[in-house]
Amino acid sequence: MISKFLKPKKLQAGDTVAVLSPSWAGPSVFPAVYENGLKVLKEWGLVIKEYPTTRASSDQSLENAEKRAKDINDAFADKEVKAIFASIGGDDAVRLLPFLNKDVISNNPKIFMGYSDTTVLLTYLNQLGLVTFNGPSIMAGFSQMQSLPDEFKKHVYDILFEPSETYTYPRFNTYCDGYLDWSKDENLGKIETLKSDSGMRTIQGSGSVSGKLFGGCIEVLEFLKGTKFYPEENFWQGKILFLETSEEKPSMLSVKRILRNYGVQEVFDKIEAIIFSRARDYTDEEKQKLDDALLEVISIEFGKNNLPIVSNAEFGHTDPQIILPNGIDIEIDLDNSKLKLIENCVR
């Protein structure tokens, strides 16, 4: 079991960063949305480097999983590149895993950030010993920053550029479930209506608990089960598992079935706590039912009534989303529903 994960160097103005499309060919379909997201990186003084498949067409991308993997290998091997950002998610990044160069990646730790389908890459690289970053992508998160609270942009900057020994996550009082139609020019950078948010809530446990972060999109993690890229049994020990739902809005029954699988794997016996995301497109009533489902499976069916559980945390497929670094120690204040990193995530 890995006890200490390799941290990447922090970013600073003038650094070169790679932007890749490891899954869906979003930049070729909606180039204006992609370019709008790059503006934030440029504003921070970063130099952008693209690779052959970054702007590949949908057909080219679909037909060339090995080339997409090569771009990841090359970006990690490139001494000039200090960080790697996913342009957007998708649904087939799992095809890249057999082609990744484990030695090259392990020997060149650097910031690698994305979410949704990028989960398969982030979690596998974390198993190789690297800290990886579950956070906004260029087209979904960065491109909409102008329409989101200023605190969100500051949060992303602070995590990547300004390391601190401890970091208490900000609280956002509003959120959106998605973006306005990308096919219409007038919607560039715009989001759906902001809604008030009640914030993260504790549904089981009290006091505080800590452990190393690990997780991602609950549906995407299913792609890894039964493969050699899925965590070994002892990897789960001491983890705080974070899970989020995608824009496909899985049914309550689907979520319960997936959770039962974790229960049968005895994951609930090994982890320290579970953080569940603010579920996209769920009504308040459905969010309550989701809380009930978490308790039903974890606490009643598997008898883990002492396992701390928090829900409605601000990450995943809603905006603004916090960055959760895989492999970094986090503390959950269950009584006050607060999250705090208790070590640097970059050096």
Foldseek 3Di string as FASTA:
>chain_A
DDPAFDFAAFDAAPAEAEEAALAALVCQVQVLLLVLLVVLVVVRNYHYDYDPSRNPDRVVNVVCNLRSLVVVLVLQQDPRHAEYFYQAAHAPSVVNVVNHDLVSNRVRAHEYEEADLCLLVQQLNVVSRHKYKYAHGSNGASFQCVVADPVLSVQVCCQRHPWDQKFWDDDDQWWAQFFPDSVDPVRGNGTPDIDGDPAKAWLAAAAKWKFFEGEGELVSLVVCPPHPSHDDLLVLARYAYEYAHAPVQDDLVVVLVSVLVCLVSVSLVHYQAYEYAQYHPADPVRQVVSSVSVCCRNCPVNNPRHHIYMYHHAADSMPPRHMRIGRFMKMARNVVGIIMTNGRNHD
